[in-house]
C-alpha atoms as a PDB file:
ATOM      1  CA  MET A   1      93.326 121.799 100.527  1.00  0.00           C
ATOM      2  CA  LYS A   2      95.427 118.824  99.488  1.00  0.00           C
ATOM      3  CA  ASN A   3      99.153 119.085 100.048  1.00  0.00           C
ATOM      4  CA  ASN A   4     101.575 119.151  97.099  1.00  0.00           C
ATOM      5  CA  LYS A   5     102.395 115.435  97.279  1.00  0.00           C
ATOM      6  CA  GLU A   6      98.698 114.511  97.305  1.00  0.00           C
ATOM      7  CA  ILE A   7      98.038 116.759  94.300  1.00  0.00           C
ATOM      8  CA  LEU A   8     100.936 115.306  92.311  1.00  0.00           C
ATOM      9  CA  ASP A   9     100.087 111.716  93.278  1.00  0.00           C
ATOM     10  CA  HIS A  10      96.430 112.169  92.320  1.00  0.00           C
ATOM     11  CA  PHE A  11      97.434 113.636  88.954  1.00  0.00           C
ATOM     12  CA  GLY A  12      99.930 110.797  88.481  1.00  0.00           C
ATOM     13  CA  LYS A  13      97.306 108.167  89.263  1.00  0.00           C
ATOM     14  CA  MET A  14      95.023 109.685  86.610  1.00  0.00           C
ATOM     15  CA  ILE A  15      97.826 109.720  84.018  1.00  0.00           C
ATOM     16  CA  ILE A  16      98.638 106.072  84.706  1.00  0.00           C
ATOM     17  CA  LYS A  17      95.047 104.817  85.043  1.00  0.00           C
ATOM     18  CA  ASP A  18      93.625 106.737  82.081  1.00  0.00           C
ATOM     19  CA  CYS A  19      96.590 106.869  79.671  1.00  0.00           C
ATOM     20  CA  ILE A  20      99.509 104.519  80.316  1.00  0.00           C
ATOM     21  CA  ASP A  21      97.778 101.356  81.546  1.00  0.00           C
ATOM     22  CA  PRO A  22      95.067 101.404  78.844  1.00  0.00           C
ATOM     23  CA  GLY A  23      97.774 101.632  76.178  1.00  0.00           C
ATOM     24  CA  ILE A  24      99.376  98.421  77.409  1.00  0.00           C
ATOM     25  CA  GLY A  25      95.983  96.844  78.108  1.00  0.00           C
ATOM     26  CA  ASN A  26      94.863  97.481  74.536  1.00  0.00           C
ATOM     27  CA  LEU A  27      97.913  95.680  73.187  1.00  0.00           C
ATOM     28  CA  THR A  28      97.272  92.704  75.452  1.00  0.00           C
ATOM     29  CA  SER A  29      93.571  92.527  74.578  1.00  0.00           C
ATOM     30  CA  LEU A  30      94.283  92.644  70.841  1.00  0.00           C
ATOM     31  CA  ARG A  31      96.300  89.457  71.117  1.00  0.00           C
ATOM     32  CA  VAL A  32      93.268  87.457  72.241  1.00  0.00           C
ATOM     33  CA  LYS A  33      90.603  89.305  70.259  1.00  0.00           C
ATOM     34  CA  GLU A  34      88.262  87.116  68.223  1.00  0.00           C
ATOM     35  CA  ASN A  35      86.609  88.529  65.094  1.00  0.00           C
ATOM     36  CA  PRO A  36      88.405  91.888  65.258  1.00  0.00           C
ATOM     37  CA  PRO A  37      87.210  94.882  63.257  1.00  0.00           C
ATOM     38  CA  ILE A  38      88.889  95.095  59.859  1.00  0.00           C
ATOM     39  CA  ILE A  39      91.011  98.072  60.917  1.00  0.00           C
ATOM     40  CA  LEU A  40      92.543  95.976  63.747  1.00  0.00           C
ATOM     41  CA  LYS A  41      92.770  92.594  62.005  1.00  0.00           C
ATOM     42  CA  GLU A  42      96.339  93.098  60.778  1.00  0.00           C
ATOM     43  CA  TYR A  43      97.526  93.822  64.330  1.00  0.00           C
ATOM     44  CA  VAL A  44      95.569  90.970  65.884  1.00  0.00           C
ATOM     45  CA  ASP A  45      96.949  88.501  63.349  1.00  0.00           C
ATOM     46  CA  LEU A  46     100.518  89.683  63.951  1.00  0.00           C
ATOM     47  CA  PHE A  47     100.240  89.624  67.755  1.00  0.00           C
ATOM     48  CA  LYS A  48      98.796  86.102  67.725  1.00  0.00           C
ATOM     49  CA  LYS A  49     101.819  84.875  65.730  1.00  0.00           C
ATOM     50  CA  LEU A  50     104.308  86.163  68.289  1.00  0.00           C
ATOM     51  CA  ASP A  51     105.575  83.719  70.883  1.00  0.00           C
ATOM     52  CA  GLU A  52     105.296  84.754  74.530  1.00  0.00           C
ATOM     53  CA  ASN A  53     108.847  86.093  74.731  1.00  0.00           C
ATOM     54  CA  ASP A  54     108.523  88.233  71.593  1.00  0.00           C
ATOM     55  CA  PHE A  55     105.154  89.563  72.729  1.00  0.00           C
ATOM     56  CA  ASN A  56     106.650  90.524  76.110  1.00  0.00           C
ATOM     57  CA  VAL A  57     109.468  92.364  74.324  1.00  0.00           C
ATOM     58  CA  LEU A  58     106.840  94.263  72.316  1.00  0.00           C
ATOM     59  CA  LYS A  59     104.930  95.122  75.519  1.00  0.00           C
ATOM     60  CA  LYS A  60     108.126  96.342  77.146  1.00  0.00           C
ATOM     61  CA  TYR A  61     108.904  98.494  74.106  1.00  0.00           C
ATOM     62  CA  LEU A  62     105.400  99.975  74.174  1.00  0.00           C
ATOM     63  CA  ALA A  63     105.734 100.711  77.898  1.00  0.00           C
ATOM     64  CA  THR A  64     109.059 102.459  77.267  1.00  0.00           C
ATOM     65  CA  SER A  65     107.510 104.470  74.429  1.00  0.00           C
ATOM     66  CA  LEU A  66     104.572 105.526  76.598  1.00  0.00           C
ATOM     67  CA  GLU A  67     106.946 106.546  79.392  1.00  0.00           C
ATOM     68  CA  SER A  68     108.966 108.646  76.937  1.00  0.00           C
ATOM     69  CA  MET A  69     105.866 110.217  75.448  1.00  0.00           C
ATOM     70  CA  THR A  70     104.551 111.169  78.890  1.00  0.00           C
ATOM     71  CA  PHE A  71     107.950 112.612  79.834  1.00  0.00           C
ATOM     72  CA  ASN A  72     107.991 114.735  76.672  1.00  0.00           C
ATOM     73  CA  ILE A  73     104.420 115.974  77.087  1.00  0.00           C
ATOM     74  CA  LEU A  74     105.123 117.082  80.653  1.00  0.00           C
ATOM     75  CA  ARG A  75     108.365 118.701  79.470  1.00  0.00           C
ATOM     76  CA  ILE A  76     106.274 120.997  77.260  1.00  0.00           C
ATOM     77  CA  PHE A  77     104.687 122.456  80.400  1.00  0.00           C
ATOM     78  CA  GLU A  78     108.054 122.864  82.128  1.00  0.00           C
ATOM     79  CA  GLU A  79     109.702 124.621  79.210  1.00  0.00           C
ATOM     80  CA  ASN A  80     106.815 126.794  77.975  1.00  0.00           C
ATOM     81  CA  GLU A  81     105.399 129.152  80.575  1.00  0.00           C
ATOM     82  CA  ASP A  82     102.424 129.960  78.335  1.00  0.00           C
ATOM     83  CA  TYR A  83     101.053 126.450  78.970  1.00  0.00           C
ATOM     84  CA  LYS A  84     100.074 125.269  82.423  1.00  0.00           C
ATOM     85  CA  ILE A  85      98.688 122.260  84.249  1.00  0.00           C
ATOM     86  CA  VAL A  86      96.667 123.675  87.115  1.00  0.00           C
ATOM     87  CA  TYR A  87      94.965 122.023  90.063  1.00  0.00           C
ATOM     88  CA  GLU A  88      92.121 124.081  91.502  1.00  0.00           C
ATOM     89  CA  GLU A  89      90.375 123.689  94.837  1.00  0.00           C
ATOM     90  CA  ASN A  90      88.161 126.268  96.552  1.00  0.00           C
ATOM     91  CA  SER A  91      89.079 128.873  93.914  1.00  0.00           C
ATOM     92  CA  LYS A  92      92.784 128.445  94.702  1.00  0.00           C
ATOM     93  CA  GLN A  93      94.976 127.414  91.772  1.00  0.00           C
ATOM     94  CA  ILE A  94      98.192 125.417  92.034  1.00  0.00           C
ATOM     95  CA  ASN A  95     100.541 125.113  89.044  1.00  0.00           C
ATOM     96  CA  LEU A  96     101.869 121.541  89.031  1.00  0.00           C
ATOM     97  CA  VAL A  97     105.183 122.597  87.489  1.00  0.00           C
ATOM     98  CA  GLU A  98     105.789 124.868  90.485  1.00  0.00           C
ATOM     99  CA  ILE A  99     105.122 122.184  93.112  1.00  0.00           C
ATOM    100  CA  SER A 100     107.265 119.505  91.491  1.00  0.00           C
ATOM    101  CA  GLU A 101     111.051 119.491  91.383  1.00  0.00           C
ATOM    102  CA  MET A 102     110.831 118.145  87.838  1.00  0.00           C
ATOM    103  CA  LEU A 103     107.305 117.359  86.639  1.00  0.00           C
ATOM    104  CA  LYS A 104     108.504 115.596  83.499  1.00  0.00           C
ATOM    105  CA  ALA A 105     110.380 113.052  85.636  1.00  0.00           C
ATOM    106  CA  GLU A 106     107.495 112.301  88.029  1.00  0.00           C
ATOM    107  CA  PRO A 107     106.270 109.302  85.963  1.00  0.00           C
ATOM    108  CA  ILE A 108     109.633 107.576  85.552  1.00  0.00           C
ATOM    109  CA  GLY A 109     112.093 105.792  87.805  1.00  0.00           C
ATOM    110  CA  GLN A 110     111.649 103.263  90.572  1.00  0.00           C
ATOM    111  CA  LYS A 111     109.771 105.790  92.738  1.00  0.00           C
ATOM    112  CA  GLY A 112     107.831 107.405  89.891  1.00  0.00           C
ATOM    113  CA  TRP A 113     104.135 107.259  89.117  1.00  0.00           C
ATOM    114  CA  ILE A 114     104.427 104.300  86.745  1.00  0.00           C
ATOM    115  CA  ALA A 115     106.298 102.134  89.249  1.00  0.00           C
ATOM    116  CA  ARG A 116     103.921 103.094  92.062  1.00  0.00           C
ATOM    117  CA  PHE A 117     100.545 103.187  90.324  1.00  0.00           C
ATOM    118  CA  SER A 118     100.591 101.008  87.200  1.00  0.00           C
ATOM    119  CA  LYS A 119      98.581  97.822  87.314  1.00  0.00           C
ATOM    120  CA  VAL A 120     100.098  96.429  84.094  1.00  0.00           C
ATOM    121  CA  ILE A 121     103.752  97.525  83.941  1.00  0.00           C
ATOM    122  CA  ASP A 122     106.169  95.545  86.093  1.00  0.00           C
ATOM    123  CA  LYS A 123     107.987  97.880  88.487  1.00  0.00           C
ATOM    124  CA  ASP A 124     111.305  96.284  87.479  1.00  0.00           C
ATOM    125  CA  GLU A 125     110.745  97.323  83.851  1.00  0.00           C
ATOM    126  CA  VAL A 126     110.464 101.040  84.613  1.00  0.00           C
ATOM    127  CA  PHE A 127     113.494 103.103  83.635  1.00  0.00           C
END
């Protein structure tokens, strides 16, 4: 059985790899997209007009928004006992809220999941 830190880190890596980083990656890829679908054209055109500094400010804002959203989603599990995030191994279940001091804060801060696991968010930009 994995220890608590391994369970939380594995969950954190999945959150960052499958949710946070793709959100930023999608923004970056839209800026260079050629022949975008009609539903994305407005965004692509806008992002291409932004200079590098303005685009980086937009990326930073999106990263902050994704951090906040993740914090608030995890807070739901901390504040509502009817909902759980459970890790299961060999028929043993571990509630992630119970093994974390504050699950909602795991992604944020200089030692949080985003700072440690993100491939696209600069560690210095994490709040």
